[in-house]
Amino acid sequence: MSNQGFKEKIAVPYAEALINHAQSADLLIEATKDLSSISTVLSQSKDLQILLENPLVSGFIKKEILKQLFENQINTFVMNFLLVLVDRRRISFLNNILEKYLELVYILESTTIAELYSAIDISEVQQESLIQKIKSMTNSNQVKLVISKDINLIGGFVIKIGSKIIDASLAGKLKRMSLYLDTN
């Protein structure tokens, strides 16, 4: 079994339990915002990730650090969840749990996640236009646009929605032209 499969097997029950509890306490929206912000902090701080994944750092120290970072910024329900993960020695899977939680919430809310790779920054108007087009293409209620800048595209953009890829980049067009010319 691959390491990713193992991590997902551990993450799914925690993510599902978190969603069920958040729904029963009518905190799903608030919990999702809190967990999204925690995910952002984790992705921006490699030191925090390393500390939480280190089995040699005691649970007490991990709890204190989490309390100092998040205690007055997130709901107590979410804070208690983080502390339970430390107690059960599952805090090292926090990133996987957060990813699975957000994925399941998006499915519940009929939200499509679209990854946009662009050579230049996209304006708010352009983003909104793309979101509307993606909504009509996917029949989704909501679209979450994850934007990344990729100067290798030269110009244009690439959109990934699940396994579907829409390549409207200059680099993609040049590659297709090259393949066409190579075959002739």
Protein backbone atom coordinates (compact mmCIF):
# COMPACT_ATOMS: atom_id res chain seq x y z
CA MET A 1 0.00 0.00 0.00
CA SER A 2 1.33 3.40 -0.90
CA ASN A 3 2.07 5.99 1.74
CA GLN A 4 -0.55 8.34 0.25
CA GLY A 5 -3.20 5.60 0.42
CA PHE A 6 -2.30 4.95 4.05
CA LYS A 7 -2.57 8.65 4.91
CA GLU A 8 -5.91 8.90 3.14
CA LYS A 9 -7.25 5.88 5.04
CA ILE A 10 -6.42 7.67 8.28
CA ALA A 11 -7.66 11.09 7.11
CA VAL A 12 -11.11 10.08 5.82
CA PRO A 13 -12.70 8.97 9.13
CA TYR A 14 -11.44 12.09 10.92
CA ALA A 15 -12.66 14.37 8.12
CA GLU A 16 -16.06 12.65 8.06
CA ALA A 17 -16.40 12.81 11.84
CA LEU A 18 -15.47 16.49 11.77
CA ILE A 19 -18.11 17.21 9.12
CA ASN A 20 -20.78 15.25 10.98
CA HIS A 21 -20.06 17.02 14.25
CA ALA A 22 -19.90 20.44 12.57
CA GLN A 23 -23.24 19.81 10.87
CA SER A 24 -24.92 18.64 14.07
CA ALA A 25 -23.64 21.70 15.95
CA ASP A 26 -24.61 23.95 13.00
CA LEU A 27 -20.99 25.09 12.66
CA LEU A 28 -20.12 23.77 9.21
CA ILE A 29 -19.50 27.17 7.60
CA GLU A 30 -17.54 28.53 10.56
CA ALA A 31 -15.51 25.31 10.92
CA THR A 32 -14.73 25.32 7.20
CA LYS A 33 -13.41 28.89 7.40
CA ASP A 34 -11.31 28.04 10.45
CA LEU A 35 -9.89 24.89 8.89
CA SER A 36 -9.18 26.75 5.66
CA SER A 37 -7.17 29.35 7.58
CA ILE A 38 -5.30 26.60 9.46
CA SER A 39 -4.50 24.97 6.13
CA THR A 40 -3.15 28.29 4.84
CA VAL A 41 -0.95 28.72 7.93
CA LEU A 42 0.38 25.18 7.54
CA SER A 43 1.17 25.66 3.87
CA GLN A 44 3.04 28.88 4.62
CA SER A 45 5.02 27.53 7.57
CA LYS A 46 7.24 24.55 6.83
CA ASP A 47 8.67 24.82 10.35
CA LEU A 48 5.23 24.28 11.87
CA GLN A 49 4.65 21.27 9.60
CA ILE A 50 8.00 19.77 10.59
CA LEU A 51 7.30 20.34 14.29
CA LEU A 52 3.84 18.75 14.15
CA GLU A 53 5.15 15.75 12.19
CA ASN A 54 8.12 15.17 14.52
CA PRO A 55 7.38 12.24 16.83
CA LEU A 56 10.16 13.33 19.21
CA VAL A 57 8.35 16.57 20.13
CA SER A 58 6.03 15.90 23.06
CA GLY A 59 2.27 16.21 22.76
CA PHE A 60 2.26 18.85 25.49
CA ILE A 61 4.57 21.13 23.48
CA LYS A 62 2.51 20.59 20.31
CA LYS A 63 -0.69 21.48 22.21
CA GLU A 64 0.84 24.63 23.65
CA ILE A 65 2.06 25.78 20.25
CA LEU A 66 -1.35 25.14 18.67
CA LYS A 67 -3.05 27.02 21.52
CA GLN A 68 -0.71 29.99 21.15
CA LEU A 69 -1.24 30.10 17.40
CA PHE A 70 -4.97 29.53 17.12
CA GLU A 71 -6.78 29.68 20.47
CA ASN A 72 -8.54 33.05 20.13
CA GLN A 73 -8.72 32.91 16.33
CA ILE A 74 -10.72 29.73 15.76
CA ASN A 75 -13.84 28.12 17.18
CA THR A 76 -13.32 26.07 20.36
CA PHE A 77 -14.80 23.06 18.57
CA VAL A 78 -12.01 23.21 15.95
CA MET A 79 -9.39 23.85 18.64
CA ASN A 80 -10.59 20.79 20.58
CA PHE A 81 -10.36 18.75 17.38
CA LEU A 82 -6.71 19.77 16.95
CA LEU A 83 -5.98 18.82 20.56
CA VAL A 84 -7.65 15.42 20.08
CA LEU A 85 -5.42 14.84 17.05
CA VAL A 86 -2.38 15.54 19.24
CA ASP A 87 -3.66 13.18 21.96
CA ARG A 88 -4.24 10.40 19.44
CA ARG A 89 -0.90 11.04 17.76
CA ARG A 90 -2.59 11.89 14.48
CA ILE A 91 -1.55 15.55 14.28
CA SER A 92 1.08 14.60 11.69
CA PHE A 93 -1.84 13.79 9.37
CA LEU A 94 -3.41 17.23 9.82
CA ASN A 95 -2.70 18.35 6.24
CA ASN A 96 -4.29 15.19 4.83
CA ILE A 97 -7.29 15.51 7.13
CA LEU A 98 -7.79 19.16 6.17
CA GLU A 99 -7.54 18.35 2.44
CA LYS A 100 -10.05 15.51 2.76
CA TYR A 101 -12.37 17.63 4.91
CA LEU A 102 -12.42 20.49 2.39
CA GLU A 103 -12.88 18.03 -0.49
CA LEU A 104 -15.89 16.44 1.25
CA VAL A 105 -17.40 19.82 2.16
CA TYR A 106 -17.08 20.98 -1.44
CA ILE A 107 -18.88 17.82 -2.58
CA LEU A 108 -21.62 18.46 0.00
CA GLU A 109 -22.02 22.04 -1.16
CA SER A 110 -21.79 21.09 -4.84
CA THR A 111 -18.67 23.16 -5.22
CA THR A 112 -16.30 22.50 -8.09
CA ILE A 113 -12.60 23.11 -7.56
CA ALA A 114 -10.92 24.58 -10.62
CA GLU A 115 -7.18 25.13 -10.79
CA LEU A 116 -6.17 28.09 -12.95
CA TYR A 117 -2.59 28.44 -14.16
CA SER A 118 -1.89 31.77 -15.82
CA ALA A 119 1.18 33.51 -17.18
CA ILE A 120 0.02 36.84 -15.71
CA ASP A 121 -2.20 37.95 -12.85
CA ILE A 122 -5.93 37.66 -13.58
CA SER A 123 -8.21 40.59 -12.65
CA GLU A 124 -11.30 40.19 -10.46
CA VAL A 125 -13.58 40.72 -13.48
CA GLN A 126 -11.76 38.00 -15.44
CA GLN A 127 -11.93 35.65 -12.43
CA GLU A 128 -15.68 36.20 -12.07
CA SER A 129 -16.20 35.63 -15.80
CA LEU A 130 -14.23 32.36 -15.64
CA ILE A 131 -16.18 31.25 -12.55
CA GLN A 132 -19.50 31.84 -14.35
CA LYS A 133 -18.32 29.87 -17.41
CA ILE A 134 -17.07 27.00 -15.22
CA LYS A 135 -20.39 26.96 -13.33
CA SER A 136 -22.29 26.58 -16.58
CA MET A 137 -19.88 23.89 -17.86
CA THR A 138 -20.01 21.79 -14.69
CA ASN A 139 -23.57 22.53 -13.48
CA SER A 140 -22.15 23.44 -10.06
CA ASN A 141 -23.66 25.78 -7.52
CA GLN A 142 -20.28 27.18 -6.62
CA VAL A 143 -16.76 27.21 -8.02
CA LYS A 144 -13.59 27.59 -6.00
CA LEU A 145 -10.88 28.99 -8.23
CA VAL A 146 -7.34 28.12 -7.12
CA ILE A 147 -5.02 30.49 -8.99
CA SER A 148 -1.34 29.86 -9.64
CA LYS A 149 1.06 31.91 -11.72
CA ASP A 150 3.14 29.95 -14.25
CA ILE A 151 5.41 32.07 -16.46
CA ASN A 152 6.29 28.97 -18.54
CA LEU A 153 2.89 29.29 -20.22
CA ILE A 154 4.19 32.41 -22.03
CA GLY A 155 0.62 33.72 -22.38
CA GLY A 156 -2.95 32.57 -21.85
CA PHE A 157 -4.03 30.07 -19.19
CA VAL A 158 -4.67 26.42 -18.34
CA ILE A 159 -7.69 25.32 -16.31
CA LYS A 160 -7.85 21.93 -14.55
CA ILE A 161 -11.25 20.72 -13.34
CA GLY A 162 -10.86 17.23 -11.94
CA SER A 163 -9.29 15.20 -14.74
CA LYS A 164 -10.37 17.66 -17.45
CA ILE A 165 -7.75 20.12 -18.74
CA ILE A 166 -8.51 23.18 -20.84
CA ASP A 167 -5.28 24.50 -22.33
CA ALA A 168 -5.61 28.02 -23.77
CA SER A 169 -1.95 28.88 -23.28
CA LEU A 170 0.53 30.03 -25.87
CA ALA A 171 2.96 27.31 -24.78
CA GLY A 172 0.25 24.69 -25.32
CA LYS A 173 -0.56 26.04 -28.79
CA LEU A 174 3.13 26.03 -29.73
CA LYS A 175 3.46 22.43 -28.52
CA ARG A 176 0.43 21.34 -30.58
CA MET A 177 1.85 23.13 -33.66
CA SER A 178 5.19 21.40 -33.12
CA LEU A 179 3.51 17.99 -32.86
CA TYR A 180 1.50 18.70 -36.01
CA LEU A 181 4.60 19.76 -37.95
CA ASP A 182 6.56 16.73 -36.69
CA THR A 183 3.91 14.33 -37.98
CA ASN A 184 3.98 15.88 -41.48
